[in-house]
Amino acid sequence: MKPLCCLLALATVIAGKPVLAQNPIAELGGSTYREKAVYAVYDLPGTTRQADAIEGIVLDALRTYARNAQVRYGIPPSPYPDYPSQMTIGQRLSGGPKPDCAGELLSIEGLDTSMAKYGEKIYHRVCLFPYSGGLRINYFALYGQQSGAGNANPNVLAAMLGRAIGGAMGLGDSSATINKLLARLENGLQTAGIGFKLVQLHPKDLAGRTVVEDDIPRPATRAVASAQVQATTTEPAQPAQASPAQTTAMMPAPVPPAMAQLQAALLQQREMARQQMAAQLPPQGQPERRLAAAAARKELTAMGLQYFSQEQFLAAIRRGDVLAVDLFITGAGIDLNAGAPGATPLAIAESNGRQDIVALLKTGGAR
């Protein structure tokens, strides 16, 4: 009854608002998961010795909107470079952007799950990079949103209605907290008397944020010596002819028969040892699986989940969280066949009509 009421209310709101950035009518027939990223770089010139103060300011801004912040200290280069390092954006095993940092003073992560029961969550990461003239803050946020009447989570439909009403009133979704976090970060820096410049921003239209030109010259590419790139029209010099005496001196001396037998025996022993070591190695593919499992466990931890929690695994199946289910399976810390008859992971996914999760479970070995 509740989903039907939400559908009727959603249709009423849509009828009064002809154009929406996200068309809920198209969402009613299935389930959709969307992600959008925000990236910002702040330059803090002349502040190489204020890393502790900046850590406190970042944590204050992050904890306002995210729980369970994690701080990790890196190993910066020595001496500090003239141009700072920068966060790189890779790809997760399940798809989507993944921030990586190298050469940072510290890295801070946090996950905002306050709206998780409505299908929304935000991942934050901040890296602090040093350089000879100051420090740089690299900030990355990833907002994820579930929608669609076909979603197994009944709260998603109510959240769609709330977003539709909020859109009609000029309000947005919970991703607006990302811009609020940046505002709190800037206010904290100003209060501490730390000068800063926003030198990079994506997307560029965040309200209240002003990007200025980065005035630190990037390192020039190393020039190639002109002698290596200029074409020459002269004939190449002919190699000097070696005399017969020199040729004879360069020829290897003949190996005595006893030495040749010893070399052959050593080569045979080496080959036998190589074959024995090869027989003891695990089958091909196992190291790759271990690396994939380790990466999946790190992602689950960053999301505030425990890779070995059977309860959280089943909860992800019930709410239709395909991303989390995929990470749990890859992390290999849960039992795909545990539970009473009718309450196994596969049975729960089938009863909820989640064929995408059923396929993942069967591929992973669920029965």
Protein backbone atom coordinates (compact mmCIF):
# COMPACT_ATOMS: atom_id res chain seq x y z
CA MET A 1 0.00 0.00 0.00
CA LYS A 2 2.82 2.40 0.90
CA PRO A 3 4.62 2.00 -2.49
CA LEU A 4 1.30 2.60 -4.29
CA CYS A 5 0.72 5.82 -2.36
CA CYS A 6 4.25 6.96 -3.18
CA LEU A 7 3.69 6.20 -6.86
CA LEU A 8 0.46 8.24 -6.92
CA ALA A 9 2.12 11.14 -5.10
CA LEU A 10 5.13 10.98 -7.40
CA ALA A 11 2.91 11.08 -10.46
CA THR A 12 1.10 14.11 -9.05
CA VAL A 13 4.34 16.02 -8.51
CA ILE A 14 5.62 15.12 -11.97
CA ALA A 15 2.39 16.29 -13.58
CA GLY A 16 2.92 19.74 -12.11
CA LYS A 17 6.58 19.96 -13.20
CA PRO A 18 7.09 19.21 -16.90
CA VAL A 19 10.92 19.19 -16.99
CA LEU A 20 13.20 17.46 -14.47
CA ALA A 21 16.91 16.66 -14.60
CA GLN A 22 16.00 13.09 -13.72
CA ASN A 23 12.72 11.85 -15.21
CA PRO A 24 11.01 9.72 -12.52
CA ILE A 25 8.48 8.36 -15.05
CA ALA A 26 11.30 6.56 -16.86
CA GLU A 27 12.53 5.23 -13.49
CA LEU A 28 9.31 3.52 -12.47
CA GLY A 29 9.86 0.39 -14.54
CA GLY A 30 13.21 -0.69 -13.06
CA SER A 31 16.15 0.13 -10.85
CA THR A 32 18.97 2.58 -11.65
CA TYR A 33 22.19 3.40 -9.82
CA ARG A 34 23.89 6.74 -10.56
CA GLU A 35 27.22 8.18 -9.47
CA LYS A 36 28.68 11.65 -9.80
CA ALA A 37 32.10 12.88 -8.70
CA VAL A 38 33.38 16.20 -7.36
CA TYR A 39 37.07 17.11 -7.44
CA ALA A 40 38.78 20.19 -5.99
CA VAL A 41 42.40 21.31 -5.53
CA TYR A 42 43.37 24.03 -3.03
CA ASP A 43 46.81 25.65 -3.08
CA LEU A 44 48.16 26.78 0.31
CA PRO A 45 51.35 28.75 -0.43
CA GLY A 46 53.95 29.16 2.31
CA THR A 47 52.35 26.69 4.76
CA THR A 48 54.78 23.77 4.72
CA ARG A 49 54.89 23.57 8.54
CA GLN A 50 51.16 23.71 9.24
CA ALA A 51 50.21 20.16 8.27
CA ASP A 52 48.83 19.37 11.76
CA ALA A 53 46.55 22.41 11.73
CA ILE A 54 45.29 21.57 8.24
CA GLU A 55 44.60 17.99 9.32
CA GLY A 56 42.37 19.27 12.12
CA ILE A 57 40.52 21.64 9.77
CA VAL A 58 39.88 18.87 7.22
CA LEU A 59 38.69 16.45 9.92
CA ASP A 60 36.32 19.07 11.32
CA ALA A 61 34.76 19.63 7.89
CA LEU A 62 34.59 15.90 7.11
CA ARG A 63 33.09 14.78 10.42
CA THR A 64 30.26 17.27 10.03
CA TYR A 65 28.83 15.16 7.20
CA ALA A 66 30.61 11.78 7.38
CA ARG A 67 31.27 9.19 10.07
CA ASN A 68 34.23 6.92 10.82
CA ALA A 69 36.96 9.11 9.33
CA GLN A 70 40.26 7.33 8.70
CA VAL A 71 43.61 9.18 8.72
CA ARG A 72 46.68 7.60 7.13
CA TYR A 73 50.12 9.20 7.04
CA GLY A 74 52.18 8.78 3.89
CA ILE A 75 55.85 9.09 2.99
CA PRO A 76 56.42 12.39 1.14
CA PRO A 77 59.37 12.91 -1.21
CA SER A 78 62.58 14.41 0.13
CA PRO A 79 63.40 17.11 -0.70
CA TYR A 80 59.97 18.49 -1.50
CA PRO A 81 59.44 18.97 -5.26
CA ASP A 82 59.01 22.36 -6.91
CA TYR A 83 55.61 21.25 -8.25
CA PRO A 84 53.28 19.23 -5.98
CA SER A 85 52.03 15.74 -6.68
CA GLN A 86 48.36 15.27 -7.45
CA MET A 87 45.62 12.76 -6.79
CA THR A 88 45.10 10.32 -9.66
CA ILE A 89 41.71 8.88 -10.56
CA GLY A 90 41.74 5.17 -11.35
CA GLN A 91 38.91 2.66 -11.71
CA ARG A 92 37.33 0.34 -9.14
CA LEU A 93 37.02 -3.38 -9.81
CA SER A 94 33.27 -2.96 -10.10
CA GLY A 95 33.60 0.14 -12.30
CA GLY A 96 33.50 3.83 -11.44
CA PRO A 97 36.23 6.26 -10.35
CA LYS A 98 38.69 5.48 -7.54
CA PRO A 99 41.08 8.13 -6.13
CA ASP A 100 44.71 7.21 -5.46
CA CYS A 101 47.46 9.24 -3.77
CA ALA A 102 51.24 8.82 -3.79
CA GLY A 103 53.79 11.03 -2.03
CA GLU A 104 51.22 12.60 0.29
CA LEU A 105 51.80 13.84 3.84
CA LEU A 106 48.48 12.38 4.91
CA SER A 107 45.23 10.99 3.52
CA ILE A 108 41.79 11.23 5.12
CA GLU A 109 38.73 9.17 4.12
CA GLY A 110 35.14 9.23 5.29
CA LEU A 111 31.77 7.78 4.27
CA ASP A 112 28.45 9.61 4.69
CA THR A 113 25.79 6.91 5.16
CA SER A 114 23.18 9.13 6.81
CA MET A 115 20.90 8.67 3.77
CA ALA A 116 21.90 5.07 3.01
CA LYS A 117 18.46 3.69 3.84
CA TYR A 118 17.09 5.95 1.11
CA GLY A 119 19.61 4.72 -1.44
CA GLU A 120 22.09 7.64 -1.17
CA LYS A 121 25.68 7.71 0.11
CA ILE A 122 28.78 9.89 -0.32
CA TYR A 123 32.43 8.84 -0.18
CA HIS A 124 35.01 11.53 0.66
CA ARG A 125 38.80 11.48 0.35
CA VAL A 126 41.32 14.25 1.03
CA CYS A 127 45.07 14.07 0.34
CA LEU A 128 47.62 16.67 1.48
CA PHE A 129 50.64 17.03 -0.82
CA PRO A 130 53.78 19.05 0.06
CA TYR A 131 55.96 21.03 -2.31
CA SER A 132 58.83 23.48 -1.87
CA GLY A 133 56.52 26.50 -1.77
CA GLY A 134 53.67 25.21 0.40
CA LEU A 135 50.97 22.54 0.56
CA ARG A 136 48.09 21.40 -1.63
CA ILE A 137 44.77 19.87 -0.64
CA ASN A 138 43.24 17.45 -3.16
CA TYR A 139 39.58 16.64 -2.42
CA PHE A 140 37.47 13.93 -4.08
CA ALA A 141 33.83 13.04 -3.40
CA LEU A 142 31.69 10.34 -5.01
CA TYR A 143 27.92 10.58 -4.61
CA GLY A 144 25.88 7.42 -5.30
CA GLN A 145 22.11 7.31 -5.70
CA GLN A 146 19.64 4.45 -6.23
CA SER A 147 16.29 5.08 -7.87
CA GLY A 148 13.46 3.20 -9.51
CA ALA A 149 10.28 1.48 -8.35
CA GLY A 150 11.91 -1.85 -9.21
CA ASN A 151 14.44 -1.42 -6.41
CA ALA A 152 14.14 -3.93 -3.57
CA ASN A 153 14.62 -1.15 -1.00
CA PRO A 154 11.12 0.28 -0.31
CA ASN A 155 12.58 3.56 0.95
CA VAL A 156 14.05 4.37 -2.48
CA LEU A 157 10.62 5.17 -3.90
CA ALA A 158 9.90 7.50 -0.97
CA ALA A 159 13.27 9.17 -1.56
CA MET A 160 12.37 9.67 -5.24
CA LEU A 161 9.18 11.40 -4.14
CA GLY A 162 11.15 13.59 -1.73
CA ARG A 163 13.65 14.56 -4.43
CA ALA A 164 10.84 15.35 -6.87
CA ILE A 165 9.12 17.59 -4.31
CA GLY A 166 12.46 19.17 -3.38
CA GLY A 167 13.21 19.82 -7.04
CA ALA A 168 9.87 21.53 -7.45
CA MET A 169 10.78 23.78 -4.49
CA GLY A 170 14.29 24.49 -5.76
CA LEU A 171 16.01 22.04 -3.41
CA GLY A 172 18.48 19.31 -4.38
CA ASP A 173 19.45 15.85 -3.13
CA SER A 174 21.93 15.02 -0.38
CA SER A 175 24.88 15.63 -2.75
CA ALA A 176 24.49 19.30 -1.78
CA THR A 177 26.41 18.46 1.40
CA ILE A 178 29.58 18.17 -0.74
CA ASN A 179 29.51 21.89 -1.48
CA LYS A 180 28.71 22.60 2.17
CA LEU A 181 31.75 20.58 3.19
CA LEU A 182 33.96 22.65 0.87
CA ALA A 183 32.50 25.84 2.35
CA ARG A 184 33.25 24.62 5.88
CA LEU A 185 36.79 23.70 4.82
CA GLU A 186 37.37 27.19 3.38
CA ASN A 187 35.93 28.85 6.49
CA GLY A 188 38.23 26.74 8.68
CA LEU A 189 41.29 27.80 6.68
CA GLN A 190 40.26 31.46 6.85
CA THR A 191 39.68 31.27 10.61
CA ALA A 192 43.15 29.76 11.10
CA GLY A 193 44.71 32.53 9.03
CA ILE A 194 45.88 30.12 6.32
CA GLY A 195 45.79 31.62 2.84
CA PHE A 196 44.43 29.42 0.06
CA LYS A 197 43.45 29.47 -3.61
CA LEU A 198 41.03 27.12 -5.38
CA VAL A 199 43.03 26.26 -8.52
CA GLN A 200 41.00 23.33 -9.89
CA LEU A 201 37.33 22.32 -9.63
CA HIS A 202 35.01 19.76 -11.22
CA PRO A 203 32.23 20.47 -11.92
CA LYS A 204 33.02 24.16 -12.38
CA ASP A 205 29.52 25.44 -11.55
CA LEU A 206 29.45 24.70 -7.79
CA ALA A 207 27.73 27.61 -6.09
CA GLY A 208 29.98 29.91 -4.09
CA ARG A 209 33.26 28.43 -5.37
CA THR A 210 35.66 30.64 -7.36
CA VAL A 211 38.54 29.09 -9.31
CA VAL A 212 41.72 31.13 -9.86
CA GLU A 213 44.59 30.46 -12.23
CA ASP A 214 47.34 28.19 -10.98
CA ASP A 215 50.48 30.35 -10.99
CA ILE A 216 52.96 27.57 -10.17
CA PRO A 217 54.83 26.65 -13.38
CA ARG A 218 54.59 23.01 -14.28
CA PRO A 219 57.91 21.19 -14.72
CA ALA A 220 59.15 21.47 -18.31
CA THR A 221 59.74 18.28 -20.25
CA ARG A 222 63.36 17.39 -20.60
CA ALA A 223 64.76 18.64 -23.89
CA VAL A 224 66.32 16.15 -26.23
CA ALA A 225 69.87 16.90 -27.33
CA SER A 226 69.94 18.40 -30.78
CA ALA A 227 72.63 15.99 -31.86
CA GLN A 228 70.11 13.16 -31.34
CA VAL A 229 67.26 14.71 -33.31
CA GLN A 230 68.97 16.48 -36.22
CA ALA A 231 69.22 14.52 -39.43
CA THR A 232 72.66 14.10 -40.94
CA THR A 233 73.55 13.82 -44.60
CA THR A 234 77.02 12.40 -44.09
CA GLU A 235 77.68 8.73 -44.61
CA PRO A 236 78.09 6.74 -41.40
CA ALA A 237 81.66 5.98 -40.51
CA GLN A 238 82.78 2.50 -41.45
CA PRO A 239 83.90 0.35 -38.54
CA ALA A 240 87.62 -0.19 -38.32
CA GLN A 241 88.76 -3.52 -39.64
CA ALA A 242 90.24 -5.70 -36.96
CA SER A 243 93.58 -7.27 -37.64
CA PRO A 244 93.91 -11.08 -37.76
CA ALA A 245 95.81 -10.96 -34.47
CA GLN A 246 92.97 -9.01 -32.79
CA THR A 247 90.34 -11.39 -34.20
CA THR A 248 92.23 -14.36 -32.81
CA ALA A 249 92.51 -12.67 -29.40
CA MET A 250 88.74 -12.04 -29.25
CA MET A 251 87.82 -15.70 -29.97
CA PRO A 252 86.93 -17.65 -26.81
CA ALA A 253 89.43 -20.23 -25.69
CA PRO A 254 88.34 -23.87 -26.06
CA VAL A 255 86.75 -25.38 -22.92
CA PRO A 256 88.45 -28.50 -21.50
CA PRO A 257 86.29 -31.69 -21.61
CA ALA A 258 86.13 -31.94 -17.81
CA MET A 259 84.90 -28.33 -17.55
CA ALA A 260 82.30 -28.94 -20.26
CA GLN A 261 80.94 -31.95 -18.34
CA LEU A 262 80.76 -29.87 -15.14
CA GLN A 263 78.85 -27.10 -16.93
CA ALA A 264 76.39 -29.64 -18.35
CA ALA A 265 75.83 -31.15 -14.88
CA LEU A 266 75.20 -27.71 -13.36
CA LEU A 267 72.72 -26.83 -16.09
CA GLN A 268 70.88 -30.11 -15.51
CA GLN A 269 70.67 -29.50 -11.75
CA ARG A 270 69.40 -25.97 -12.36
CA GLU A 271 66.66 -27.25 -14.67
CA MET A 272 65.58 -29.90 -12.13
CA ALA A 273 65.38 -27.25 -9.40
CA ARG A 274 63.32 -25.00 -11.66
CA GLN A 275 60.86 -27.81 -12.38
CA GLN A 276 60.50 -28.61 -8.66
CA MET A 277 59.79 -24.95 -7.85
CA ALA A 278 57.25 -24.74 -10.67
CA ALA A 279 55.45 -27.80 -9.30
CA GLN A 280 55.11 -26.12 -5.89
CA LEU A 281 53.68 -22.85 -7.24
CA PRO A 282 49.89 -22.28 -6.98
CA PRO A 283 47.85 -22.59 -10.18
CA GLN A 284 47.68 -19.62 -12.55
CA GLY A 285 45.10 -17.01 -11.61
CA GLN A 286 45.32 -17.49 -7.83
CA PRO A 287 47.57 -14.44 -7.20
CA GLU A 288 45.19 -12.31 -9.28
CA ARG A 289 42.23 -13.55 -7.22
CA ARG A 290 44.03 -12.72 -3.98
CA LEU A 291 44.78 -9.20 -5.22
CA ALA A 292 41.14 -8.73 -6.29
CA ALA A 293 39.90 -9.97 -2.89
CA ALA A 294 42.24 -7.61 -1.03
CA ALA A 295 41.09 -4.64 -3.13
CA ALA A 296 37.41 -5.54 -2.59
CA ARG A 297 37.93 -5.76 1.18
CA LYS A 298 39.53 -2.30 1.20
CA GLU A 299 36.55 -0.86 -0.70
CA LEU A 300 34.07 -2.47 1.70
CA THR A 301 35.98 -1.03 4.67
CA ALA A 302 35.93 2.42 3.05
CA MET A 303 32.14 2.05 2.69
CA GLY A 304 31.81 1.32 6.43
CA LEU A 305 31.16 -2.40 5.89
CA GLN A 306 32.94 -5.53 7.17
CA TYR A 307 33.94 -7.98 4.45
CA PHE A 308 33.31 -10.97 6.78
CA SER A 309 29.85 -9.88 8.01
CA GLN A 310 27.23 -12.36 6.78
CA GLU A 311 24.50 -10.10 8.19
CA GLN A 312 25.66 -7.07 6.19
CA PHE A 313 26.00 -9.27 3.09
CA LEU A 314 22.38 -10.46 3.38
CA ALA A 315 21.21 -6.89 4.08
CA ALA A 316 22.90 -5.72 0.87
CA ILE A 317 21.06 -8.46 -1.06
CA ARG A 318 17.70 -7.46 0.46
CA ARG A 319 18.11 -3.78 -0.41
CA GLY A 320 19.34 -4.60 -3.92
CA ASP A 321 22.81 -3.07 -3.53
CA VAL A 322 24.51 -4.75 -6.49
CA LEU A 323 27.82 -2.94 -5.92
CA ALA A 324 28.13 -4.07 -2.29
CA VAL A 325 27.06 -7.65 -3.12
CA ASP A 326 29.69 -7.85 -5.87
CA LEU A 327 32.38 -6.60 -3.45
CA PHE A 328 31.32 -9.10 -0.75
CA ILE A 329 31.58 -11.98 -3.25
CA THR A 330 34.95 -10.80 -4.56
CA GLY A 331 36.24 -10.25 -1.01
CA ALA A 332 35.59 -13.97 -0.27
CA GLY A 333 34.94 -13.38 3.42
CA ILE A 334 31.33 -14.62 3.55
CA ASP A 335 29.53 -17.94 2.93
CA LEU A 336 27.47 -17.91 -0.27
CA ASN A 337 25.40 -20.93 0.83
CA ALA A 338 24.85 -20.27 4.56
CA GLY A 339 21.36 -20.09 6.01
CA ALA A 340 18.27 -22.20 6.54
CA PRO A 341 16.24 -23.47 3.55
CA GLY A 342 14.60 -20.47 1.94
CA ALA A 343 16.92 -18.05 3.72
CA THR A 344 20.15 -18.59 1.78
CA PRO A 345 21.61 -15.64 -0.14
CA LEU A 346 20.42 -17.13 -3.44
CA ALA A 347 16.90 -17.74 -2.10
CA ILE A 348 16.66 -14.17 -0.76
CA ALA A 349 17.75 -12.70 -4.09
CA GLU A 350 15.26 -14.88 -6.00
CA SER A 351 12.38 -14.02 -3.65
CA ASN A 352 13.12 -10.29 -4.15
CA GLY A 353 13.17 -10.72 -7.92
CA ARG A 354 16.78 -9.49 -8.25
CA GLN A 355 17.96 -11.51 -11.22
CA ASP A 356 21.13 -9.40 -11.50
CA ILE A 357 22.15 -10.42 -7.97
CA VAL A 358 21.07 -14.03 -8.64
CA ALA A 359 23.47 -14.10 -11.59
CA LEU A 360 26.31 -12.70 -9.44
CA LEU A 361 25.71 -15.30 -6.72
CA LYS A 362 25.57 -18.22 -9.15
CA THR A 363 28.74 -17.04 -10.86
CA GLY A 364 30.42 -16.92 -7.45
CA GLY A 365 29.37 -20.53 -6.68
CA ALA A 366 26.10 -20.11 -4.76
CA ARG A 367 23.66 -23.03 -4.87
